[in-house]
Amino acid sequence: MTGAPWLVVSNWQIPGFDEVLSPTVLGEVRAYASGRAPVTEGSGMTFAVEAAGTSLNVAADRVRVTTSASNTTPVYFAEDAATGRFIVGTDLPTTAAAYASLTGTPAALRDEIGVQEGPLSAVVGVERLEHLVELELRRESGAWQCTRTRQAELPEPPVKFREALLAGQAQVQALRDAIAEALSTAPDVGVLVSGGVDSGLVAALVAETGAPTTAYTIGTEWGDEFDHAAEAAQAVGLDLRATTLGADDVVEALPATVRAFGHGEPQTIAIGVALAAFCRGGYAVERLLLTGYGSDLLNSGMATTDEIGGDIGAKVREAVHRTRYSSEFTAALGDQGGHRLTHPYWHAGVLETALATDPAVKTYRGREKGHLRFAARELLPEDVAWRPKTAIHHGNGLGANLDRLVDQHTGTPGGTGLVYRALLASQIATASQNPLALMTGREAYDRAVAQVARASSQHITQ
């Protein structure tokens, strides 16, 4: 199995796949599942892709894909109109490899492989399904027909919370409910704490349940927030374990992060790679891991205190929409190490509460997330509740140093995007040879670095 679970469904035998992975066959439909277990329903099967509602239903004469409003975990689709053959998959390299095998045409990356806020993926001919889509492939009169329905956008909830304290308290209660739901299926839990209000609130709300809990904090050789995390954990009565990731740990996790996200947008990769490295490294013993990630998106649109002027509501809506295509909330980062990585701020109830809050109170007292900070004083010390915001990839030093590290390895200024592109290309090529091929993260990274360095050297000599 190649790290995180994946699924590829087709109406045709895929050369190279049958040799290494026995598919489940229903009529002409073949489901190749590496680590994904379906729920059998009568003569069909349903694969849950995302807890929020994205799923694939497979039967002998039909494949139906439904994507959720949050669309945090991608589903890819490709079809050959000339033959009626199709591919549906949950992992870009294996989906692209299957499509290339099906059409006899090598997979090609687009010029732009960053976050595409729409139906394009990083691979030419492969679509990333948009949010709120139902795609149905049905065999009728001896041929496969494709139809899709785009559900109406969910209406924005009416503004219910216009007073700062009440708005903050409502979000805290929604968080409490989200955490209780997550804990209902887990005997113990790990909480990732940075020392700020967002993760501090999650830690406090978990601690009040009495569930066996360990607090973890992640730093790198370039930076950490260990002192602030220790203060927050101690305040809520949790033991704290600090992990310092080295450059090798980060490098080892980069290929899996690019693969899980399905794109090569450097800032988003910098956010996700620390979580991926932590989950892959076996630092936490608990299967369920909770984070404080997402609050900045919901409550300030990523604006800092110096940037809170203007339309905060528009910034929030834009930030939320982008996450439907950035994959930054995908559970695949935790799957790498057998963890159920969960972001309570991205629970439907918390999202709804935040979007039903008057944007004006989100800057209460002239601070971003002011309403949440005001309510957090009931659970956290003042210093923690009102601590200045630090982006996750800046607090651990990756925001400033990951690009520098990659540039040092390639000898090419601005080489990060080129390495991520090479990682996607090499993972597709490997999946084309063997979709279950095992390759260490370091091996994949070194290949990508060598390719970029070689190309740069050839360009210089020309």
Protein backbone atom coordinates (compact mmCIF):
# COMPACT_ATOMS: atom_id res chain seq x y z
CA MET A 1 0.00 0.00 0.00
CA THR A 2 1.29 3.48 -0.86
CA GLY A 3 0.85 5.50 2.31
CA ALA A 4 -2.66 6.90 2.52
CA PRO A 5 -5.58 4.78 1.27
CA TRP A 6 -6.75 5.38 -2.28
CA LEU A 7 -9.48 4.21 -4.62
CA VAL A 8 -9.67 3.98 -8.42
CA VAL A 9 -12.90 2.96 -10.16
CA SER A 10 -13.19 2.27 -13.88
CA ASN A 11 -15.41 0.55 -16.42
CA TRP A 12 -12.37 -1.02 -18.04
CA GLN A 13 -9.54 -3.29 -16.99
CA ILE A 14 -6.58 -1.02 -16.27
CA PRO A 15 -3.27 -2.40 -17.52
CA GLY A 16 -0.73 -2.49 -14.71
CA PHE A 17 -3.33 -2.37 -11.96
CA ASP A 18 -4.80 -5.88 -12.21
CA GLU A 19 -1.32 -7.38 -12.00
CA VAL A 20 -0.71 -6.03 -8.47
CA LEU A 21 -4.15 -5.39 -6.98
CA SER A 22 -7.19 -7.64 -7.34
CA PRO A 23 -10.18 -5.41 -8.05
CA THR A 24 -13.71 -5.86 -6.87
CA VAL A 25 -15.68 -6.52 -10.05
CA LEU A 26 -19.36 -5.61 -10.42
CA GLY A 27 -20.46 -6.13 -14.01
CA GLU A 28 -18.15 -3.93 -16.08
CA VAL A 29 -17.17 -1.80 -13.10
CA ARG A 30 -13.86 -2.48 -11.40
CA ALA A 31 -12.94 -0.94 -8.04
CA TYR A 32 -9.25 -0.95 -7.14
CA ALA A 33 -9.06 -0.13 -3.44
CA SER A 34 -5.78 0.19 -1.57
CA GLY A 35 -6.67 0.44 2.08
CA ARG A 36 -10.22 1.70 1.55
CA ALA A 37 -12.95 -0.60 2.79
CA PRO A 38 -16.46 -0.21 1.34
CA VAL A 39 -19.82 -0.59 3.01
CA THR A 40 -21.74 -3.26 1.11
CA GLU A 41 -25.32 -2.35 0.31
CA GLY A 42 -27.32 -4.99 -1.52
CA SER A 43 -25.65 -5.50 -4.88
CA GLY A 44 -23.53 -2.33 -4.59
CA MET A 45 -20.84 -0.73 -2.45
CA THR A 46 -20.30 2.71 -0.97
CA PHE A 47 -16.87 4.14 -0.22
CA ALA A 48 -16.83 7.07 2.21
CA VAL A 49 -14.21 9.57 1.04
CA GLU A 50 -14.83 12.35 3.53
CA ALA A 51 -16.72 12.47 6.80
CA ALA A 52 -18.59 15.59 5.68
CA GLY A 53 -20.38 13.66 2.95
CA THR A 54 -18.23 12.99 -0.12
CA SER A 55 -18.77 9.39 -1.24
CA LEU A 56 -18.62 6.95 -4.16
CA ASN A 57 -21.42 4.46 -4.74
CA VAL A 58 -20.52 1.61 -7.07
CA ALA A 59 -22.86 -0.92 -8.69
CA ALA A 60 -22.73 -3.17 -11.76
CA ASP A 61 -24.35 -0.61 -14.04
CA ARG A 62 -23.72 2.65 -12.21
CA VAL A 63 -21.08 4.74 -10.47
CA ARG A 64 -22.32 7.74 -8.52
CA VAL A 65 -20.07 10.34 -6.90
CA THR A 66 -21.40 12.93 -4.50
CA THR A 67 -19.15 15.74 -3.28
CA SER A 68 -19.82 17.69 -0.13
CA ALA A 69 -20.08 21.43 0.40
CA SER A 70 -16.67 21.46 2.13
CA ASN A 71 -15.01 19.21 -0.50
CA THR A 72 -11.87 18.90 1.60
CA THR A 73 -10.74 15.57 0.15
CA PRO A 74 -10.51 15.53 -3.65
CA VAL A 75 -12.23 13.17 -6.06
CA TYR A 76 -10.79 13.09 -9.57
CA PHE A 77 -12.56 12.17 -12.81
CA ALA A 78 -11.35 11.51 -16.34
CA GLU A 79 -13.10 10.06 -19.37
CA ASP A 80 -12.21 9.09 -22.90
CA ALA A 81 -15.16 10.34 -24.93
CA ALA A 82 -14.16 8.27 -27.95
CA THR A 83 -14.43 4.94 -26.10
CA GLY A 84 -16.75 5.74 -23.19
CA ARG A 85 -14.13 4.58 -20.71
CA PHE A 86 -13.75 6.49 -17.46
CA ILE A 87 -11.68 6.74 -14.30
CA VAL A 88 -12.82 7.99 -10.90
CA GLY A 89 -10.18 8.21 -8.16
CA THR A 90 -9.29 9.72 -4.81
CA ASP A 91 -5.54 10.06 -5.39
CA LEU A 92 -4.08 12.15 -8.20
CA PRO A 93 -1.00 10.03 -9.11
CA THR A 94 -2.92 6.74 -9.35
CA THR A 95 -5.87 8.39 -11.13
CA ALA A 96 -3.56 10.05 -13.64
CA ALA A 97 -1.60 6.82 -14.12
CA ALA A 98 -4.82 4.86 -14.69
CA TYR A 99 -6.07 7.42 -17.21
CA ALA A 100 -2.75 7.38 -19.06
CA SER A 101 -2.91 3.58 -19.22
CA LEU A 102 -6.48 3.70 -20.42
CA THR A 103 -5.81 6.19 -23.23
CA GLY A 104 -2.25 5.20 -24.10
CA THR A 105 -1.18 8.83 -23.65
CA PRO A 106 1.44 9.82 -21.06
CA ALA A 107 0.12 12.01 -18.26
CA ALA A 108 1.11 15.67 -18.60
CA LEU A 109 1.15 18.32 -15.89
CA ARG A 110 -0.40 21.71 -16.51
CA ASP A 111 1.81 24.78 -16.62
CA GLU A 112 0.17 25.96 -13.40
CA ILE A 113 -0.01 23.25 -10.71
CA GLY A 114 -1.06 25.40 -7.77
CA VAL A 115 -4.51 25.51 -6.19
CA GLN A 116 -7.16 25.54 -8.90
CA GLU A 117 -10.43 26.96 -7.57
CA GLY A 118 -12.57 25.04 -10.03
CA PRO A 119 -12.72 21.79 -11.98
CA LEU A 120 -9.09 21.61 -13.13
CA SER A 121 -6.49 19.40 -11.50
CA ALA A 122 -2.73 19.62 -11.91
CA VAL A 123 -2.92 16.97 -14.67
CA VAL A 124 -4.16 17.65 -18.19
CA GLY A 125 -7.33 15.64 -18.88
CA VAL A 126 -8.03 14.88 -15.23
CA GLU A 127 -10.73 16.89 -13.49
CA ARG A 128 -11.04 17.58 -9.79
CA LEU A 129 -14.76 17.47 -9.08
CA GLU A 130 -16.16 20.70 -7.73
CA HIS A 131 -18.03 20.94 -4.45
CA LEU A 132 -21.74 20.08 -4.34
CA VAL A 133 -21.62 17.94 -7.48
CA GLU A 134 -23.38 14.65 -8.17
CA LEU A 135 -21.70 12.79 -11.02
CA GLU A 136 -23.44 9.70 -12.32
CA LEU A 137 -22.02 7.24 -14.82
CA ARG A 138 -24.71 4.79 -15.93
CA ARG A 139 -24.80 1.99 -18.48
CA GLU A 140 -27.85 2.31 -20.70
CA SER A 141 -28.61 0.60 -24.03
CA GLY A 142 -25.14 -0.91 -24.16
CA ALA A 143 -23.26 2.36 -23.61
CA TRP A 144 -22.09 4.39 -20.65
CA GLN A 145 -23.70 7.78 -20.17
CA CYS A 146 -22.31 10.55 -17.98
CA THR A 147 -24.53 13.10 -16.29
CA ARG A 148 -23.76 15.58 -13.59
CA THR A 149 -25.86 17.80 -11.40
CA ARG A 150 -24.52 20.84 -9.62
CA GLN A 151 -26.44 21.41 -6.43
CA ALA A 152 -27.33 24.96 -5.53
CA GLU A 153 -24.86 26.72 -3.27
CA LEU A 154 -25.94 26.53 0.32
CA PRO A 155 -27.43 29.87 1.36
CA GLU A 156 -25.38 31.89 3.78
CA PRO A 157 -26.87 31.55 7.24
CA PRO A 158 -28.61 34.69 8.44
CA VAL A 159 -26.66 36.80 10.90
CA LYS A 160 -27.66 35.64 14.37
CA PHE A 161 -24.83 36.87 16.54
CA ARG A 162 -24.27 40.61 16.68
CA GLU A 163 -22.78 40.93 20.15
CA ALA A 164 -19.17 39.93 20.69
CA LEU A 165 -19.46 37.85 23.84
CA LEU A 166 -22.56 35.96 22.70
CA ALA A 167 -20.97 35.30 19.30
CA GLY A 168 -17.81 33.97 20.91
CA GLN A 169 -19.75 31.83 23.36
CA ALA A 170 -21.85 30.38 20.54
CA GLN A 171 -18.72 29.33 18.68
CA VAL A 172 -17.21 27.83 21.81
CA GLN A 173 -20.36 25.76 22.30
CA ALA A 174 -20.28 24.64 18.67
CA LEU A 175 -16.66 23.61 19.21
CA ARG A 176 -17.67 21.73 22.33
CA ASP A 177 -20.28 19.80 20.33
CA ALA A 178 -17.80 19.05 17.52
CA ILE A 179 -15.24 17.73 19.97
CA ALA A 180 -17.83 15.57 21.74
CA GLU A 181 -18.73 14.04 18.37
CA ALA A 182 -15.10 13.27 17.61
CA LEU A 183 -14.50 11.77 21.05
CA SER A 184 -17.56 9.53 20.80
CA THR A 185 -15.55 7.07 18.70
CA ALA A 186 -12.18 7.35 20.46
CA PRO A 187 -11.07 6.21 23.92
CA ASP A 188 -8.27 8.79 24.10
CA VAL A 189 -7.07 11.77 22.14
CA GLY A 190 -4.06 13.88 21.28
CA VAL A 191 -4.35 17.65 20.89
CA LEU A 192 -1.87 19.72 18.89
CA VAL A 193 -1.20 22.95 20.77
CA SER A 194 0.72 26.01 19.63
CA GLY A 195 -0.06 28.24 22.60
CA GLY A 196 -2.54 30.56 20.95
CA VAL A 197 -6.26 30.97 21.51
CA ASP A 198 -7.41 28.59 18.76
CA SER A 199 -5.62 25.42 19.80
CA GLY A 200 -5.83 26.51 23.43
CA LEU A 201 -9.62 26.46 23.25
CA VAL A 202 -9.64 23.00 21.68
CA ALA A 203 -7.32 21.75 24.44
CA ALA A 204 -9.46 23.32 27.16
CA LEU A 205 -12.67 21.84 25.78
CA VAL A 206 -11.12 18.39 25.47
CA ALA A 207 -9.72 18.61 28.99
CA GLU A 208 -13.11 19.47 30.46
CA THR A 209 -14.52 16.18 29.12
CA GLY A 210 -12.13 14.16 31.28
CA ALA A 211 -11.07 11.97 28.34
CA PRO A 212 -7.48 10.68 28.53
CA THR A 213 -5.62 13.40 26.63
CA THR A 214 -2.07 14.31 25.73
CA ALA A 215 -1.10 17.72 24.39
CA TYR A 216 1.55 17.84 21.68
CA THR A 217 3.40 20.76 20.15
CA ILE A 218 5.42 20.73 16.94
CA GLY A 219 8.53 22.77 16.30
CA THR A 220 11.33 22.51 13.80
CA GLU A 221 15.05 23.14 13.92
CA TRP A 222 14.19 26.64 12.67
CA GLY A 223 11.60 27.64 15.22
CA ASP A 224 9.02 26.63 17.81
CA GLU A 225 6.40 27.94 20.22
CA PHE A 226 7.19 25.53 23.03
CA ASP A 227 7.03 28.09 25.86
CA HIS A 228 3.62 29.38 24.79
CA ALA A 229 2.33 25.83 24.24
CA ALA A 230 3.51 24.80 27.71
CA GLU A 231 1.68 27.75 29.25
CA ALA A 232 -1.57 26.86 27.47
CA ALA A 233 -1.33 23.14 28.27
CA GLN A 234 -0.53 23.76 31.93
CA ALA A 235 -3.44 26.18 32.20
CA VAL A 236 -5.91 23.46 31.18
CA GLY A 237 -4.23 20.67 33.11
CA LEU A 238 -2.68 18.67 30.27
CA ASP A 239 0.76 17.13 29.98
CA LEU A 240 2.69 18.50 27.02
CA ARG A 241 5.09 16.62 24.76
CA ALA A 242 7.26 18.70 22.46
CA THR A 243 8.53 17.41 19.11
CA THR A 244 11.28 19.08 17.14
CA LEU A 245 11.28 18.12 13.47
CA GLY A 246 14.59 18.19 11.69
CA ALA A 247 15.17 19.04 8.05
CA ASP A 248 15.25 15.31 7.22
CA ASP A 249 11.83 14.82 8.83
CA VAL A 250 10.35 17.63 6.75
CA VAL A 251 11.97 16.37 3.54
CA GLU A 252 10.68 12.85 4.21
CA ALA A 253 7.10 14.17 4.49
CA LEU A 254 7.12 16.50 1.48
CA PRO A 255 6.24 13.92 -1.22
CA ALA A 256 3.29 12.58 0.78
CA THR A 257 2.04 16.13 1.43
CA VAL A 258 2.19 17.10 -2.24
CA ARG A 259 0.46 13.84 -3.12
CA ALA A 260 -2.31 14.30 -0.55
CA PHE A 261 -2.97 17.87 -1.67
CA GLY A 262 -2.77 17.08 -5.38
CA HIS A 263 -1.01 20.35 -6.17
CA GLY A 264 2.25 22.19 -5.62
CA GLU A 265 1.26 25.52 -4.06
CA PRO A 266 4.24 26.29 -1.77
CA GLN A 267 2.49 28.14 1.07
CA THR A 268 -0.17 25.47 1.46
CA ILE A 269 2.45 22.72 1.39
CA ALA A 270 4.38 24.56 4.12
CA ILE A 271 1.25 24.50 6.28
CA GLY A 272 0.58 20.80 5.77
CA VAL A 273 4.04 19.27 5.83
CA ALA A 274 4.60 19.67 9.58
CA LEU A 275 1.33 17.84 10.30
CA ALA A 276 2.27 15.13 7.81
CA ALA A 277 5.74 14.72 9.33
CA PHE A 278 4.33 14.54 12.84
CA CYS A 279 1.73 11.93 11.90
CA ARG A 280 4.21 9.86 9.90
CA GLY A 281 6.83 10.02 12.64
CA GLY A 282 4.86 8.10 15.25
CA TYR A 283 5.21 10.83 17.87
CA ALA A 284 1.63 10.46 19.11
CA VAL A 285 0.24 7.23 20.53
CA GLU A 286 -3.41 8.23 20.20
CA ARG A 287 -5.23 7.52 16.96
CA LEU A 288 -7.45 10.62 17.17
CA LEU A 289 -5.57 13.91 16.81
CA LEU A 290 -7.32 17.27 17.12
CA THR A 291 -5.94 20.60 15.91
CA GLY A 292 -6.84 24.27 16.22
CA TYR A 293 -6.39 24.83 12.51
CA GLY A 294 -9.14 26.67 10.64
CA SER A 295 -10.05 29.35 13.14
CA ASP A 296 -8.03 32.03 11.35
CA LEU A 297 -9.86 31.24 8.12
CA LEU A 298 -13.31 31.37 9.72
CA ASN A 299 -12.86 34.26 12.06
CA SER A 300 -10.54 36.67 10.27
CA GLY A 301 -10.11 35.43 6.70
CA MET A 302 -6.41 35.04 7.63
CA ALA A 303 -6.16 38.78 8.33
CA THR A 304 -3.81 39.87 11.09
CA THR A 305 -4.54 42.71 13.49
CA ASP A 306 -2.87 45.13 11.08
CA GLU A 307 -5.07 43.90 8.21
CA ILE A 308 -8.53 43.76 9.79
CA GLY A 309 -9.84 46.82 8.01
CA GLY A 310 -12.20 46.36 5.08
CA ASP A 311 -14.75 43.64 4.53
CA ILE A 312 -13.86 40.81 6.93
CA GLY A 313 -16.95 38.91 5.78
CA ALA A 314 -15.68 38.85 2.19
CA LYS A 315 -12.23 37.73 3.34
CA VAL A 316 -13.78 34.88 5.31
CA ARG A 317 -15.98 33.75 2.41
CA GLU A 318 -12.99 33.80 0.05
CA ALA A 319 -10.82 31.84 2.49
CA VAL A 320 -13.50 29.22 3.07
CA HIS A 321 -14.11 28.76 -0.65
CA ARG A 322 -10.43 28.27 -1.36
CA THR A 323 -10.21 25.36 1.09
CA ARG A 324 -12.63 23.42 -1.13
CA TYR A 325 -9.78 23.06 -3.63
CA SER A 326 -6.59 23.41 -1.56
CA SER A 327 -7.02 20.04 0.23
CA GLU A 328 -5.45 21.53 3.36
CA PHE A 329 -8.10 19.89 5.58
CA THR A 330 -7.82 16.44 4.02
CA ALA A 331 -7.60 13.54 6.44
CA ALA A 332 -4.96 11.96 4.19
CA LEU A 333 -2.18 13.72 6.13
CA GLY A 334 -3.14 11.72 9.23
CA ASP A 335 -3.77 8.51 7.31
CA GLN A 336 -0.04 8.39 6.55
CA GLY A 337 0.60 7.40 10.17
CA GLY A 338 -2.67 5.71 11.03
CA HIS A 339 -4.14 8.79 12.74
CA ARG A 340 -7.59 10.28 12.42
CA LEU A 341 -6.59 13.91 11.98
CA THR A 342 -9.57 16.11 12.84
CA HIS A 343 -9.99 19.88 12.73
CA PRO A 344 -12.92 20.85 15.00
CA TYR A 345 -13.10 24.38 13.59
CA TRP A 346 -14.01 22.82 10.26
CA HIS A 347 -16.98 20.92 11.68
CA ALA A 348 -20.24 21.89 9.97
CA GLY A 349 -21.73 23.30 13.17
CA VAL A 350 -18.72 25.51 13.87
CA LEU A 351 -18.63 26.70 10.27
CA GLU A 352 -22.31 27.61 10.40
CA THR A 353 -21.92 29.49 13.67
CA ALA A 354 -18.93 31.46 12.42
CA LEU A 355 -20.67 32.38 9.16
CA ALA A 356 -23.76 33.48 11.12
CA THR A 357 -21.64 35.92 13.14
CA ASP A 358 -21.66 39.62 12.29
CA PRO A 359 -18.21 40.33 10.78
CA ALA A 360 -18.07 43.54 12.82
CA VAL A 361 -17.73 41.64 16.11
CA LYS A 362 -14.88 39.54 14.74
CA THR A 363 -12.68 42.61 15.21
CA TYR A 364 -13.84 43.30 18.76
CA ARG A 365 -11.36 45.49 20.68
CA GLY A 366 -9.44 46.06 17.46
CA ARG A 367 -8.14 42.49 17.36
CA GLU A 368 -8.66 39.73 14.81
CA LYS A 369 -10.92 37.01 16.27
CA GLY A 370 -11.82 39.50 18.99
CA HIS A 371 -15.17 37.89 19.77
CA LEU A 372 -13.60 34.44 20.21
CA ARG A 373 -10.80 35.81 22.36
CA PHE A 374 -13.35 37.61 24.57
CA ALA A 375 -15.29 34.39 25.18
CA ALA A 376 -12.11 32.33 25.60
CA ARG A 377 -11.26 34.19 28.81
CA GLU A 378 -13.74 31.89 30.56
CA LEU A 379 -11.50 28.91 29.74
CA LEU A 380 -7.99 30.29 29.20
CA PRO A 381 -5.66 32.79 30.88
CA GLU A 382 -5.81 36.33 29.50
CA ASP A 383 -2.30 36.03 28.05
CA VAL A 384 -3.31 32.98 26.03
CA ALA A 385 -6.70 34.33 25.01
CA TRP A 386 -5.27 37.58 23.65
CA ARG A 387 -1.92 36.30 22.39
CA PRO A 388 -0.96 37.77 18.98
CA LYS A 389 -1.72 35.48 16.06
CA THR A 390 1.13 33.55 14.48
CA ALA A 391 0.45 31.55 11.33
CA ILE A 392 1.05 27.83 11.82
CA HIS A 393 3.88 27.69 9.28
CA HIS A 394 5.58 30.76 10.76
CA GLY A 395 5.46 29.63 14.36
CA ASN A 396 7.37 26.47 13.49
CA GLY A 397 9.79 28.27 11.18
CA LEU A 398 8.75 26.54 7.97
CA GLY A 399 7.26 29.64 6.38
CA ALA A 400 10.65 31.31 6.24
CA ASN A 401 12.96 28.33 5.85
CA LEU A 402 11.37 25.61 3.72
CA ASP A 403 11.97 27.45 0.45
CA ARG A 404 15.52 28.18 1.57
CA LEU A 405 16.14 24.51 2.34
CA VAL A 406 14.88 23.36 -1.07
CA ASP A 407 16.91 26.05 -2.83
CA GLN A 408 20.04 24.86 -1.03
CA HIS A 409 19.41 21.29 -2.16
CA THR A 410 18.73 22.19 -5.79
CA GLY A 411 21.20 25.04 -6.09
CA THR A 412 18.38 26.89 -7.86
CA PRO A 413 16.79 30.05 -6.42
CA GLY A 414 13.01 29.69 -6.47
CA GLY A 415 13.29 25.94 -6.91
CA THR A 416 10.52 24.94 -4.49
CA GLY A 417 7.71 24.96 -7.02
CA LEU A 418 9.89 23.09 -9.49
CA VAL A 419 10.61 20.36 -6.93
CA TYR A 420 6.92 19.99 -6.11
CA ARG A 421 6.18 19.70 -9.81
CA ALA A 422 8.87 17.03 -10.18
CA LEU A 423 7.43 15.18 -7.16
CA LEU A 424 4.00 14.99 -8.75
CA ALA A 425 5.44 13.88 -12.08
CA SER A 426 7.62 11.19 -10.52
CA GLN A 427 4.79 9.85 -8.37
CA ILE A 428 2.56 9.56 -11.44
CA ALA A 429 5.36 7.78 -13.32
CA THR A 430 5.91 5.37 -10.42
CA ALA A 431 2.18 4.65 -10.15
CA SER A 432 2.11 3.96 -13.90
CA GLN A 433 4.71 1.23 -13.43
CA ASN A 434 3.18 -0.16 -10.24
CA PRO A 435 0.35 1.58 -8.34
CA LEU A 436 1.44 -0.18 -5.13
CA ALA A 437 5.14 0.64 -5.48
CA LEU A 438 6.76 1.60 -2.21
CA MET A 439 9.14 4.54 -2.24
CA THR A 440 10.50 6.38 0.77
CA GLY A 441 9.80 10.06 1.00
CA ARG A 442 13.51 10.80 0.94
CA GLU A 443 14.00 8.75 -2.21
CA ALA A 444 11.21 10.57 -4.04
CA TYR A 445 12.47 13.94 -2.83
CA ASP A 446 16.09 13.25 -3.85
CA ARG A 447 14.95 12.22 -7.33
CA ALA A 448 12.95 15.43 -7.69
CA VAL A 449 15.84 17.58 -6.45
CA ALA A 450 18.27 15.88 -8.84
CA GLN A 451 15.90 16.43 -11.74
CA VAL A 452 15.51 20.14 -10.98
CA ALA A 453 19.25 20.61 -10.43
CA ARG A 454 20.02 18.81 -13.69
CA ALA A 455 17.52 20.90 -15.65
CA SER A 456 18.90 24.10 -14.12
CA SER A 457 22.46 23.11 -15.00
CA GLN A 458 21.50 22.35 -18.60
CA HIS A 459 19.71 25.69 -18.86
CA ILE A 460 22.79 27.55 -17.62
CA THR A 461 25.12 25.84 -20.08
CA GLN A 462 22.89 26.54 -23.07
